[in-house]
Structures are given as C-alpha cells and as structure tokens.
Amino acid sequence: MLEVRNLTKRYGERVAVDGISFGVERGQTVGLLGPNGAGKTTTLAMITGLTSPDAGTISAGGSTLADDPEGLKRKIGLVPQDLALYEEIPARANLEVFGALYRMHGAPLARAIDEALALVGLADRAGDVVKSFSGGMKRRLNIAGAMLHDPELILLDEPTVGVDPQSRNAIFDNLAELQRRGKTLVYTTHYMEEAERLCDRIVIVDHGKVLADDTLPGLLARAPAANRLLVDTMGEPPAALVDALKAIGGVHGVSVDGERIALDVDDLPRTAPRILDSVSASGLGIRMFASERASLESVFLTLTGRRLRD
C-alpha cells in the first residue's frame, strides 16, 4: 500500500531525513517511532506531498508522488499533530470545509460527515462549536476530517498528544474500528505502549535513518537481556562498584543515572542476590530495587541512546 525508498530531506546543512526506506502492506498498522527531531513528521510531510523530498521515491496504492501527486493524495488521509480545526464554527461545518477540499458536496458529503462523526462518537455534538470541545474531542474530530474521502491509507502524527486517558481509549477504539475496516495506518507516537497495542510492525528512526524495522517480537529479541534490575542507592555509586557489577556473570549492561543503577540481566533469580550483595558491600544503602521484563522501551533506548533530546 505504501512504499518509501531512500527518502532524503535537507534544510541547509542539516539532514532531517537521511535515506529512509520502509514499506506498509495493505491493511497493516505500522508504527513510526523516534525521539524528538528524528525525522518522523518530516517523513509524513513528504509522503503527503506537503514537503518536497530532495531525493527518493514515494508510492501509495500504485500512485507515485512524482507522476500522479493528486492520485496519491486522494488515497491518503492525514491526521496532523497540530489540530487542523476552525474553533469558531460547529463540528459539522468543519467537516464541510474538509469535504470541499476533496470536491465533495451534496448528499455524498452529508452522508460521509454523518459516518465520520458516528465513527468518532461525536454525532450528538455535530452542531456545537469546536471551541466548546475538550482536547480529546478535538483530536477525534481531527480524525473524522481525515476520513471523509474514504482514504485507503491514513497517516496519524501523534494523535493522542495532550489528551486524558479516557480520550486516549476512545481514540484507540476509533483506530481499532478502522483496522477492522481494512484501512492501512501509519502511526507516529512517543508512547511505547501505544505502539505495542496497535501496531503490526514498528519502524524505529533516529537522526533521519531507520534503525530497526520489525514486528514487536522481533524487536524484543534485540533487547540486551530478558530482564532489567533497577537499584536506587543512598548516594551516587562509585566507579569501583560499577566495575564490580559489570564483572558479575549474567550481567550484560550497567548504566548509572544519579543514584539509580540499571542492570540488564538474563537470569534474575540467580543474579539479583549477587548484585544486591555487591551494592551492600560497597557501603551504599539501598533505597529501592525493582525488576522489569524486556520491553519495547528498553529496545528503543538501546537503539537511540538514553539522553533526552529536544
């Protein structure tokens, strides 16, 4: 349904997207994950034709951006990260504007608006001005606007940013219905649990490059170890303790953040007592310790690094 090959975009000396390639099969939901500035939104902007690529090719459902840009755009519905709504007019009037952009009018447009509002659970608020809506309702109306022309491919750029848990679950229900209808989704998010819940495959990007492209089980197999042990100490761990922990058999990685030590281990019951004994022998008190299974987040941080980037 979607094929992106060697997509590249530069802004002056900065390379925002550096040869990204990936494909999406019809009916799949593919997550596009990456830190801030990784190139996700720029990639979506190029797929939709809002930004021109410097190199690379894009095709969707047999239409290419180079040879048939209008045909490609008609196959795509875009749910942008920033709300694309007119706050001073009712929800139905907003959707009439979106429909007009696709040259929809009359009874077909009215029918499409009714179906889109029903899909996102806003049929009873069709006549209310958008400024009276909650953040979650606005996000759902944003999704409705992308659905009017019945696109085959829907691009969602962080559609749950800034909404409460109830609204997030409502959006998940909307996306599950689109999946049942056989729609193809490309979903960008910062929330790992969303990707785990929704996506058939996950593409991790950073610095404009694809670092991984796999199913969730395939990505979890890349985790440095099956488990992670977190130990909060009463004071910052000295270098000698860190070296001693690294030397313990079954420990595959040790990182320190202030007074927290994170250790990647395979056999938690066998290795944890030795780790705790080493910390105690160093003279540091232990404030807290906890364990967790390998997760998409641990794989993501292993691939992209642990430093927060804005």
Foldseek 3Di string as FASTA:
>chain_A
DKWWFQFWADDVPATQAGGATDDFDFLFEEEEEEAPSQNPVVVVCCQLPVDPTPDTWMDDPHRTCVPHNPVSNLQEFELDPDQPADQAFFLLVRLVVLCVVVVDDDPLQVVLLCVLCVLLVNNVRRHPGNVVDDPLVSLSSSVSSRPSSPHQEYEYEASCPPHDPVSVVSVVSSVVVCSVVRHYYYYYHHDQVVCVPGGQWYFYGGSNYTQDIGGFVVLLVPQQEFKKKKWFWPFFDDPVLVVVLVPDPQWRDWDGDTRMIMTHGHDCVVNVVVNVVSCVVVVIHTPDMDMDGRGSVSSNCVRHPDDRDD
